[in-house]
Amino acid sequence: MPRKSTYSTPTDHSHQCLQYLRLCGGSARLCTLKFSLSVIQTLVNRKLVKINNTGAGFFVELEDTK
């Protein structure tokens, strides 16, 4: 019988994606992100980020929290 791990393994990398966007100044090109589309979709559903089409490409931007 396999042992259970005592260390928590994060299956959702949304926190790392948010940190990356903060380090990039709040926005990054969608094609340069190395996170899965499900992680980005989760952040969009939570209304933490938005996708913006600038005509030169799609950008993922942090939502303005007021």
PDB file of N, CA and C in Angstrom:
ATOM      1  N   MET A   1       0.848  -1.177   0.000  1.00  0.00           N
ATOM      2  CA  MET A   1       0.000   0.000   0.000  1.00  0.00           C
ATOM      3  C   MET A   1       0.895   1.242   0.000  1.00  0.00           C
ATOM      4  N   PRO A   2       0.671   2.178  -0.927  1.00  0.00           N
ATOM      5  CA  PRO A   2       1.517   3.377  -0.986  1.00  0.00           C
ATOM      6  C   PRO A   2       1.256   4.301   0.193  1.00  0.00           C
ATOM      7  N   ARG A   3       2.301   4.948   0.610  1.00  0.00           N
ATOM      8  CA  ARG A   3       2.190   5.908   1.709  1.00  0.00           C
ATOM      9  C   ARG A   3       1.646   7.231   1.205  1.00  0.00           C
ATOM     10  N   LYS A   4       0.922   7.893   2.070  1.00  0.00           N
ATOM     11  CA  LYS A   4       0.424   9.225   1.744  1.00  0.00           C
ATOM     12  C   LYS A   4       1.506  10.238   2.074  1.00  0.00           C
ATOM     13  N   SER A   5       1.620  11.235   1.235  1.00  0.00           N
ATOM     14  CA  SER A   5       2.608  12.272   1.453  1.00  0.00           C
ATOM     15  C   SER A   5       2.155  13.199   2.576  1.00  0.00           C
ATOM     16  N   THR A   6       3.094  13.627   3.392  1.00  0.00           N
ATOM     17  CA  THR A   6       2.776  14.565   4.460  1.00  0.00           C
ATOM     18  C   THR A   6       2.905  16.002   3.983  1.00  0.00           C
ATOM     19  N   TYR A   7       3.460  16.193   2.776  1.00  0.00           N
ATOM     20  CA  TYR A   7       3.626  17.521   2.225  1.00  0.00           C
ATOM     21  C   TYR A   7       2.458  17.836   1.300  1.00  0.00           C
ATOM     22  N   SER A   8       1.945  19.041   1.420  1.00  0.00           N
ATOM     23  CA  SER A   8       0.842  19.426   0.544  1.00  0.00           C
ATOM     24  C   SER A   8       1.394  19.777  -0.831  1.00  0.00           C
ATOM     25  N   THR A   9       0.771  19.261  -1.851  1.00  0.00           N
ATOM     26  CA  THR A   9       1.185  19.564  -3.219  1.00  0.00           C
ATOM     27  C   THR A   9       0.109  20.413  -3.865  1.00  0.00           C
ATOM     28  N   PRO A  10       0.445  21.638  -4.210  1.00  0.00           N
ATOM     29  CA  PRO A  10      -0.565  22.495  -4.818  1.00  0.00           C
ATOM     30  C   PRO A  10      -0.882  22.036  -6.232  1.00  0.00           C
ATOM     31  N   THR A  11      -2.143  21.780  -6.502  1.00  0.00           N
ATOM     32  CA  THR A  11      -2.540  21.382  -7.837  1.00  0.00           C
ATOM     33  C   THR A  11      -2.977  22.582  -8.656  1.00  0.00           C
ATOM     34  N   ASP A  12      -3.256  23.677  -7.984  1.00  0.00           N
ATOM     35  CA  ASP A  12      -3.672  24.890  -8.672  1.00  0.00           C
ATOM     36  C   ASP A  12      -2.527  25.895  -8.607  1.00  0.00           C
ATOM     37  N   HIS A  13      -2.021  26.298  -9.751  1.00  0.00           N
ATOM     38  CA  HIS A  13      -0.881  27.212  -9.808  1.00  0.00           C
ATOM     39  C   HIS A  13      -1.324  28.654 -10.024  1.00  0.00           C
ATOM     40  N   SER A  14      -2.550  28.968  -9.633  1.00  0.00           N
ATOM     41  CA  SER A  14      -3.059  30.316  -9.853  1.00  0.00           C
ATOM     42  C   SER A  14      -2.312  31.351  -9.012  1.00  0.00           C
ATOM     43  N   HIS A  15      -1.870  30.962  -7.834  1.00  0.00           N
ATOM     44  CA  HIS A  15      -1.134  31.894  -6.982  1.00  0.00           C
ATOM     45  C   HIS A  15       0.197  32.278  -7.634  1.00  0.00           C
ATOM     46  N   GLN A  16       0.886  31.307  -8.226  1.00  0.00           N
ATOM     47  CA  GLN A  16       2.148  31.585  -8.901  1.00  0.00           C
ATOM     48  C   GLN A  16       1.925  32.471 -10.127  1.00  0.00           C
ATOM     49  N   CYS A  17       0.814  32.260 -10.819  1.00  0.00           N
ATOM     50  CA  CYS A  17       0.493  33.083 -11.981  1.00  0.00           C
ATOM     51  C   CYS A  17       0.245  34.527 -11.555  1.00  0.00           C
ATOM     52  N   LEU A  18      -0.460  34.722 -10.465  1.00  0.00           N
ATOM     53  CA  LEU A  18      -0.696  36.082  -9.959  1.00  0.00           C
ATOM     54  C   LEU A  18       0.608  36.753  -9.549  1.00  0.00           C
ATOM     55  N   GLN A  19       1.496  36.008  -8.902  1.00  0.00           N
ATOM     56  CA  GLN A  19       2.789  36.565  -8.519  1.00  0.00           C
ATOM     57  C   GLN A  19       3.594  36.959  -9.749  1.00  0.00           C
ATOM     58  N   TYR A  20       3.567  36.119 -10.778  1.00  0.00           N
ATOM     59  CA  TYR A  20       4.282  36.415 -12.011  1.00  0.00           C
ATOM     60  C   TYR A  20       3.757  37.690 -12.659  1.00  0.00           C
ATOM     61  N   LEU A  21       2.439  37.847 -12.689  1.00  0.00           N
ATOM     62  CA  LEU A  21       1.864  39.051 -13.279  1.00  0.00           C
ATOM     63  C   LEU A  21       2.221  40.295 -12.477  1.00  0.00           C
ATOM     64  N   ARG A  22       2.269  40.172 -11.166  1.00  0.00           N
ATOM     65  CA  ARG A  22       2.665  41.318 -10.337  1.00  0.00           C
ATOM     66  C   ARG A  22       4.107  41.710 -10.608  1.00  0.00           C
ATOM     67  N   LEU A  23       4.976  40.708 -10.795  1.00  0.00           N
ATOM     68  CA  LEU A  23       6.381  40.995 -11.081  1.00  0.00           C
ATOM     69  C   LEU A  23       6.575  41.587 -12.471  1.00  0.00           C
ATOM     70  N   CYS A  24       5.661  41.295 -13.396  1.00  0.00           N
ATOM     71  CA  CYS A  24       5.742  41.825 -14.762  1.00  0.00           C
ATOM     72  C   CYS A  24       5.098  43.192 -14.881  1.00  0.00           C
ATOM     73  N   GLY A  25       4.666  43.767 -13.807  1.00  0.00           N
ATOM     74  CA  GLY A  25       4.058  45.087 -13.859  1.00  0.00           C
ATOM     75  C   GLY A  25       2.558  45.068 -14.028  1.00  0.00           C
ATOM     76  N   GLY A  26       1.940  43.917 -13.866  1.00  0.00           N
ATOM     77  CA  GLY A  26       0.484  43.847 -13.920  1.00  0.00           C
ATOM     78  C   GLY A  26      -0.076  43.278 -15.198  1.00  0.00           C
ATOM     79  N   SER A  27       0.754  43.105 -16.233  1.00  0.00           N
ATOM     80  CA  SER A  27       0.254  42.522 -17.469  1.00  0.00           C
ATOM     81  C   SER A  27       1.376  41.772 -18.183  1.00  0.00           C
ATOM     82  N   ALA A  28       0.968  40.789 -18.971  1.00  0.00           N
ATOM     83  CA  ALA A  28       1.911  40.001 -19.757  1.00  0.00           C
ATOM     84  C   ALA A  28       1.183  39.461 -20.973  1.00  0.00           C
ATOM     85  N   ARG A  29       1.924  39.230 -22.048  1.00  0.00           N
ATOM     86  CA  ARG A  29       1.331  38.655 -23.249  1.00  0.00           C
ATOM     87  C   ARG A  29       0.880  37.240 -22.954  1.00  0.00           C
ATOM     88  N   LEU A  30      -0.279  36.889 -23.463  1.00  0.00           N
ATOM     89  CA  LEU A  30      -0.841  35.572 -23.225  1.00  0.00           C
ATOM     90  C   LEU A  30       0.055  34.476 -23.784  1.00  0.00           C
ATOM     91  N   CYS A  31       0.687  34.718 -24.927  1.00  0.00           N
ATOM     92  CA  CYS A  31       1.519  33.690 -25.553  1.00  0.00           C
ATOM     93  C   CYS A  31       2.821  33.450 -24.797  1.00  0.00           C
ATOM     94  N   THR A  32       3.233  34.358 -23.920  1.00  0.00           N
ATOM     95  CA  THR A  32       4.478  34.171 -23.178  1.00  0.00           C
ATOM     96  C   THR A  32       4.267  33.475 -21.842  1.00  0.00           C
ATOM     97  N   LEU A  33       3.028  33.364 -21.394  1.00  0.00           N
ATOM     98  CA  LEU A  33       2.761  32.714 -20.113  1.00  0.00           C
ATOM     99  C   LEU A  33       2.956  31.214 -20.226  1.00  0.00           C
ATOM    100  N   LYS A  34       3.597  30.635 -19.259  1.00  0.00           N
ATOM    101  CA  LYS A  34       3.848  29.202 -19.241  1.00  0.00           C
ATOM    102  C   LYS A  34       2.856  28.458 -18.355  1.00  0.00           C
ATOM    103  N   PHE A  35       1.770  29.116 -18.010  1.00  0.00           N
ATOM    104  CA  PHE A  35       0.736  28.492 -17.190  1.00  0.00           C
ATOM    105  C   PHE A  35      -0.337  27.918 -18.102  1.00  0.00           C
ATOM    106  N   SER A  36      -1.011  26.898 -17.633  1.00  0.00           N
ATOM    107  CA  SER A  36      -2.034  26.258 -18.458  1.00  0.00           C
ATOM    108  C   SER A  36      -3.237  27.187 -18.617  1.00  0.00           C
ATOM    109  N   LEU A  37      -3.997  26.915 -19.656  1.00  0.00           N
ATOM    110  CA  LEU A  37      -5.182  27.731 -19.906  1.00  0.00           C
ATOM    111  C   LEU A  37      -6.226  27.563 -18.818  1.00  0.00           C
ATOM    112  N   SER A  38      -6.249  26.407 -18.165  1.00  0.00           N
ATOM    113  CA  SER A  38      -7.215  26.216 -17.080  1.00  0.00           C
ATOM    114  C   SER A  38      -6.881  27.100 -15.884  1.00  0.00           C
ATOM    115  N   VAL A  39      -5.601  27.338 -15.634  1.00  0.00           N
ATOM    116  CA  VAL A  39      -5.205  28.241 -14.545  1.00  0.00           C
ATOM    117  C   VAL A  39      -5.636  29.664 -14.874  1.00  0.00           C
ATOM    118  N   ILE A  40      -5.407  30.082 -16.110  1.00  0.00           N
ATOM    119  CA  ILE A  40      -5.793  31.425 -16.522  1.00  0.00           C
ATOM    120  C   ILE A  40      -7.308  31.572 -16.503  1.00  0.00           C
ATOM    121  N   GLN A  41      -8.017  30.534 -16.949  1.00  0.00           N
ATOM    122  CA  GLN A  41      -9.481  30.574 -16.931  1.00  0.00           C
ATOM    123  C   GLN A  41     -10.007  30.655 -15.509  1.00  0.00           C
ATOM    124  N   THR A  42      -9.370  29.979 -14.574  1.00  0.00           N
ATOM    125  CA  THR A  42      -9.769  30.050 -13.168  1.00  0.00           C
ATOM    126  C   THR A  42      -9.632  31.471 -12.638  1.00  0.00           C
ATOM    127  N   LEU A  43      -8.538  32.134 -13.004  1.00  0.00           N
ATOM    128  CA  LEU A  43      -8.332  33.511 -12.551  1.00  0.00           C
ATOM    129  C   LEU A  43      -9.337  34.464 -13.182  1.00  0.00           C
ATOM    130  N   VAL A  44      -9.696  34.216 -14.431  1.00  0.00           N
ATOM    131  CA  VAL A  44     -10.710  35.047 -15.089  1.00  0.00           C
ATOM    132  C   VAL A  44     -12.068  34.837 -14.425  1.00  0.00           C
ATOM    133  N   ASN A  45     -12.400  33.579 -14.120  1.00  0.00           N
ATOM    134  CA  ASN A  45     -13.678  33.287 -13.463  1.00  0.00           C
ATOM    135  C   ASN A  45     -13.762  33.907 -12.080  1.00  0.00           C
ATOM    136  N   ARG A  46     -12.645  33.986 -11.378  1.00  0.00           N
ATOM    137  CA  ARG A  46     -12.615  34.616 -10.053  1.00  0.00           C
ATOM    138  C   ARG A  46     -12.551  36.135 -10.147  1.00  0.00           C
ATOM    139  N   LYS A  47     -12.463  36.655 -11.370  1.00  0.00           N
ATOM    140  CA  LYS A  47     -12.380  38.089 -11.648  1.00  0.00           C
ATOM    141  C   LYS A  47     -11.145  38.720 -11.021  1.00  0.00           C
ATOM    142  N   LEU A  48     -10.026  37.976 -11.071  1.00  0.00           N
ATOM    143  CA  LEU A  48      -8.749  38.499 -10.604  1.00  0.00           C
ATOM    144  C   LEU A  48      -7.923  39.052 -11.753  1.00  0.00           C
ATOM    145  N   VAL A  49      -8.138  38.526 -12.960  1.00  0.00           N
ATOM    146  CA  VAL A  49      -7.448  39.010 -14.147  1.00  0.00           C
ATOM    147  C   VAL A  49      -8.467  39.199 -15.269  1.00  0.00           C
ATOM    148  N   LYS A  50      -8.059  39.933 -16.294  1.00  0.00           N
ATOM    149  CA  LYS A  50      -8.889  40.084 -17.484  1.00  0.00           C
ATOM    150  C   LYS A  50      -7.998  39.920 -18.709  1.00  0.00           C
ATOM    151  N   ILE A  51      -8.607  39.529 -19.807  1.00  0.00           N
ATOM    152  CA  ILE A  51      -7.910  39.360 -21.069  1.00  0.00           C
ATOM    153  C   ILE A  51      -8.227  40.575 -21.927  1.00  0.00           C
ATOM    154  N   ASN A  52      -7.191  41.212 -22.451  1.00  0.00           N
ATOM    155  CA  ASN A  52      -7.356  42.421 -23.246  1.00  0.00           C
ATOM    156  C   ASN A  52      -6.739  42.201 -24.619  1.00  0.00           C
ATOM    157  N   ASN A  53      -7.506  42.463 -25.684  1.00  0.00           N
ATOM    158  CA  ASN A  53      -7.005  42.380 -27.044  1.00  0.00           C
ATOM    159  C   ASN A  53      -6.596  43.780 -27.484  1.00  0.00           C
ATOM    160  N   THR A  54      -5.304  43.995 -27.674  1.00  0.00           N
ATOM    161  CA  THR A  54      -4.804  45.318 -28.031  1.00  0.00           C
ATOM    162  C   THR A  54      -4.674  45.509 -29.526  1.00  0.00           C
ATOM    163  N   GLY A  55      -4.958  44.483 -30.307  1.00  0.00           N
ATOM    164  CA  GLY A  55      -4.748  44.547 -31.736  1.00  0.00           C
ATOM    165  C   GLY A  55      -3.385  44.010 -32.123  1.00  0.00           C
ATOM    166  N   ALA A  56      -2.453  44.042 -31.199  1.00  0.00           N
ATOM    167  CA  ALA A  56      -1.116  43.500 -31.423  1.00  0.00           C
ATOM    168  C   ALA A  56      -0.942  42.178 -30.691  1.00  0.00           C
ATOM    169  N   GLY A  57      -1.994  41.702 -30.055  1.00  0.00           N
ATOM    170  CA  GLY A  57      -1.932  40.456 -29.310  1.00  0.00           C
ATOM    171  C   GLY A  57      -2.827  40.517 -28.092  1.00  0.00           C
ATOM    172  N   PHE A  58      -2.952  39.389 -27.456  1.00  0.00           N
ATOM    173  CA  PHE A  58      -3.772  39.293 -26.256  1.00  0.00           C
ATOM    174  C   PHE A  58      -2.886  39.444 -25.027  1.00  0.00           C
ATOM    175  N   PHE A  59      -3.350  40.239 -24.082  1.00  0.00           N
ATOM    176  CA  PHE A  59      -2.635  40.472 -22.836  1.00  0.00           C
ATOM    177  C   PHE A  59      -3.494  40.032 -21.667  1.00  0.00           C
ATOM    178  N   VAL A  60      -2.859  39.447 -20.671  1.00  0.00           N
ATOM    179  CA  VAL A  60      -3.502  39.113 -19.398  1.00  0.00           C
ATOM    180  C   VAL A  60      -3.132  40.208 -18.427  1.00  0.00           C
ATOM    181  N   GLU A  61      -4.143  40.861 -17.877  1.00  0.00           N
ATOM    182  CA  GLU A  61      -3.907  41.993 -16.973  1.00  0.00           C
ATOM    183  C   GLU A  61      -4.587  41.747 -15.650  1.00  0.00           C
ATOM    184  N   LEU A  62      -3.971  42.218 -14.608  1.00  0.00           N
ATOM    185  CA  LEU A  62      -4.581  42.158 -13.289  1.00  0.00           C
ATOM    186  C   LEU A  62      -5.768  43.101 -13.247  1.00  0.00           C
ATOM    187  N   GLU A  63      -6.848  42.664 -12.606  1.00  0.00           N
ATOM    188  CA  GLU A  63      -8.027  43.523 -12.435  1.00  0.00           C
ATOM    189  C   GLU A  63      -7.698  44.615 -11.425  1.00  0.00           C
ATOM    190  N   ASP A  64      -8.251  45.786 -11.642  1.00  0.00           N
ATOM    191  CA  ASP A  64      -8.090  46.873 -10.693  1.00  0.00           C
ATOM    192  C   ASP A  64      -9.020  46.643  -9.527  1.00  0.00           C
ATOM    193  N   THR A  65      -8.464  46.448  -8.346  1.00  0.00           N
ATOM    194  CA  THR A  65      -9.288  46.277  -7.155  1.00  0.00           C
ATOM    195  C   THR A  65      -9.406  47.602  -6.457  1.00  0.00           C
ATOM    196  N   LYS A  66     -10.627  47.990  -6.199  1.00  0.00           N
ATOM    197  CA  LYS A  66     -10.858  49.304  -5.571  1.00  0.00           C
ATOM    198  C   LYS A  66     -11.441  49.127  -4.210  1.00  0.00           C
TER     199      LYS A  66
END
